[in-house]
């Protein structure tokens, strides 16, 4: 009887430890794969779809619609428009030097794309174009960079 009770108690204790370890594993996984990177990876799967004004998927997107859908994919709610995003309080301003893939690159208050690297962004650029990578230059470049709160 004592042996059976001892085994039962040990099983319960080990099960409890397993459940307690799960949040630590999730935190470690999130540190290795920030949500902004998962959102960016999802957005790149939309490559080749058409830009359409006001579009939020799945056949076409506009600039903020693609960003909105990418972050919605990782369960982060952003405002639907660029103006709403900028005024939401969900964004943290960062410098170009600190921008990482999945951060937001704003081209003035009316256009947003996902930062990729150096002078490259990914997004829905303009009417009549397909979603993809855009190389910026001294005439067309982001004016501000932001990281989404909670996205790493």
Protein backbone atom coordinates (compact mmCIF):
# COMPACT_ATOMS: atom_id res chain seq x y z
CA UNK A 1 0.00 0.00 0.00
CA UNK A 2 2.75 2.43 0.96
CA UNK A 3 4.65 1.61 -2.23
CA UNK A 4 1.58 2.30 -4.42
CA UNK A 5 0.95 5.63 -2.66
CA UNK A 6 4.62 6.57 -3.05
CA UNK A 7 4.56 5.81 -6.80
CA UNK A 8 1.34 7.79 -7.26
CA UNK A 9 2.78 10.81 -5.42
CA UNK A 10 5.98 10.68 -7.47
CA UNK A 11 3.98 10.56 -10.72
CA UNK A 12 1.95 13.58 -9.65
CA UNK A 13 5.10 15.47 -8.67
CA UNK A 14 6.81 14.75 -12.00
CA UNK A 15 3.69 15.72 -13.94
CA UNK A 16 3.54 19.02 -12.05
CA UNK A 17 7.18 19.72 -12.86
CA UNK A 18 6.54 19.04 -16.55
CA UNK A 19 3.72 21.61 -16.61
CA UNK A 20 5.86 24.16 -14.81
CA UNK A 21 8.68 23.74 -17.34
CA UNK A 22 6.46 24.50 -20.35
CA UNK A 23 6.36 28.31 -19.88
CA UNK A 24 10.15 28.37 -19.61
CA UNK A 25 10.44 26.41 -22.86
CA UNK A 26 7.99 28.77 -24.55
CA UNK A 27 9.98 31.80 -23.38
CA UNK A 28 13.22 30.30 -24.65
CA UNK A 29 11.62 29.47 -28.00
CA UNK A 30 10.23 33.03 -28.28
CA UNK A 31 13.70 34.43 -27.62
CA UNK A 32 15.10 32.34 -30.50
CA UNK A 33 12.19 33.08 -32.87
CA UNK A 34 10.65 36.49 -32.10
CA UNK A 35 7.05 36.94 -33.20
CA UNK A 36 8.12 39.76 -35.55
CA UNK A 37 10.26 37.24 -37.44
CA UNK A 38 7.41 34.72 -37.65
CA UNK A 39 5.13 37.53 -38.90
CA UNK A 40 7.75 38.48 -41.49
CA UNK A 41 8.16 34.88 -42.64
CA UNK A 42 4.38 34.57 -43.04
CA UNK A 43 4.25 37.82 -45.04
CA UNK A 44 6.90 36.53 -47.45
CA UNK A 45 4.60 33.61 -48.30
CA UNK A 46 2.25 36.23 -49.81
CA UNK A 47 4.91 37.20 -52.37
CA UNK A 48 3.52 37.62 -55.85
CA UNK A 49 -0.03 38.52 -54.83
CA UNK A 50 -1.39 41.79 -56.14
CA UNK A 51 -1.50 45.14 -54.39
CA UNK A 52 -5.08 46.39 -54.05
CA UNK A 53 -6.11 49.49 -52.16
CA UNK A 54 -7.89 48.54 -48.94
CA UNK A 55 -6.99 44.85 -49.32
CA UNK A 56 -6.43 42.65 -46.28
CA UNK A 57 -6.01 39.32 -48.10
CA UNK A 58 -6.11 36.64 -49.16
CA UNK A 59 -6.01 37.44 -52.87
CA UNK A 60 -4.59 40.97 -52.53
CA UNK A 61 -3.30 43.42 -49.93
CA UNK A 62 -2.47 47.06 -49.56
CA UNK A 63 0.61 48.11 -47.58
CA UNK A 64 -0.97 48.26 -44.13
CA UNK A 65 -3.26 45.31 -44.91
CA UNK A 66 -0.24 43.04 -45.40
CA UNK A 67 1.38 44.23 -42.15
CA UNK A 68 -1.96 43.89 -40.34
CA UNK A 69 -2.45 40.32 -41.64
CA UNK A 70 1.15 39.28 -40.86
CA UNK A 71 0.90 40.37 -37.24
CA UNK A 72 -2.62 39.00 -36.91
CA UNK A 73 -1.08 35.65 -37.93
CA UNK A 74 1.01 35.75 -34.72
CA UNK A 75 -2.00 36.92 -32.65
CA UNK A 76 -0.89 40.54 -32.34
CA UNK A 77 -3.63 43.04 -33.13
CA UNK A 78 -2.54 46.18 -34.92
CA UNK A 79 -4.67 48.97 -36.29
CA UNK A 80 -5.74 48.44 -39.89
CA UNK A 81 -4.29 51.64 -41.39
CA UNK A 82 -0.86 53.24 -41.25
CA UNK A 83 -2.28 56.24 -39.42
CA UNK A 84 -3.98 53.96 -36.91
CA UNK A 85 -0.76 52.02 -36.38
CA UNK A 86 1.24 55.18 -35.76
CA UNK A 87 -1.30 56.49 -33.24
CA UNK A 88 -2.05 53.19 -31.49
CA UNK A 89 0.66 53.21 -28.83
CA UNK A 90 1.64 49.66 -29.91
CA UNK A 91 4.84 50.74 -31.65
CA UNK A 92 8.27 51.57 -30.25
CA UNK A 93 10.40 53.91 -32.34
CA UNK A 94 13.83 52.48 -33.19
CA UNK A 95 16.72 53.62 -35.35
CA UNK A 96 17.60 52.17 -38.74
CA UNK A 97 20.66 50.59 -37.09
CA UNK A 98 18.40 48.68 -34.65
CA UNK A 99 15.81 47.58 -37.24
CA UNK A 100 15.53 43.82 -37.75
CA UNK A 101 13.45 41.66 -40.10
CA UNK A 102 9.77 42.05 -39.28
CA UNK A 103 10.08 45.55 -37.84
CA UNK A 104 7.96 48.22 -39.49
CA UNK A 105 9.45 50.70 -41.96
CA UNK A 106 7.25 53.76 -42.51
CA UNK A 107 7.65 55.87 -45.62
CA UNK A 108 5.98 58.96 -44.15
CA UNK A 109 2.64 58.49 -42.37
CA UNK A 110 0.88 56.93 -45.36
CA UNK A 111 2.94 53.87 -46.31
CA UNK A 112 4.38 50.96 -44.33
CA UNK A 113 6.39 47.87 -45.21
CA UNK A 114 8.23 45.19 -43.25
CA UNK A 115 11.93 45.79 -42.82
CA UNK A 116 14.20 43.09 -44.25
CA UNK A 117 17.80 44.26 -44.08
CA UNK A 118 20.06 47.20 -44.98
CA UNK A 119 18.20 48.91 -47.84
CA UNK A 120 15.51 46.29 -48.46
CA UNK A 121 11.89 46.10 -47.33
CA UNK A 122 9.09 43.66 -48.07
CA UNK A 123 5.57 44.73 -48.76
CA UNK A 124 2.70 45.79 -50.97
CA UNK A 125 4.19 48.77 -52.72
CA UNK A 126 1.75 50.42 -55.12
CA UNK A 127 -1.34 49.86 -57.26
CA UNK A 128 -0.60 47.55 -60.18
CA UNK A 129 2.41 45.90 -58.56
CA UNK A 130 2.89 42.57 -56.90
CA UNK A 131 3.90 42.06 -53.29
CA UNK A 132 7.62 41.56 -52.87
CA UNK A 133 10.94 43.07 -51.92
CA UNK A 134 11.69 46.71 -52.61
CA UNK A 135 15.15 48.22 -52.58
CA UNK A 136 15.11 51.77 -51.29
CA UNK A 137 17.43 54.58 -52.29
CA UNK A 138 18.06 58.23 -51.45
CA UNK A 139 14.78 59.28 -53.09
CA UNK A 140 12.53 56.51 -51.77
CA UNK A 141 13.41 55.36 -48.26
CA UNK A 142 11.77 54.84 -44.86
CA UNK A 143 11.46 57.93 -42.70
CA UNK A 144 10.87 56.01 -39.45
CA UNK A 145 11.31 52.49 -38.05
CA UNK A 146 9.23 50.86 -35.34
CA UNK A 147 9.16 47.61 -33.40
CA UNK A 148 5.77 46.24 -32.40
CA UNK A 149 5.38 45.88 -28.62
CA UNK A 150 5.33 42.21 -27.65
CA UNK A 151 6.80 41.03 -30.95
CA UNK A 152 10.40 40.76 -29.75
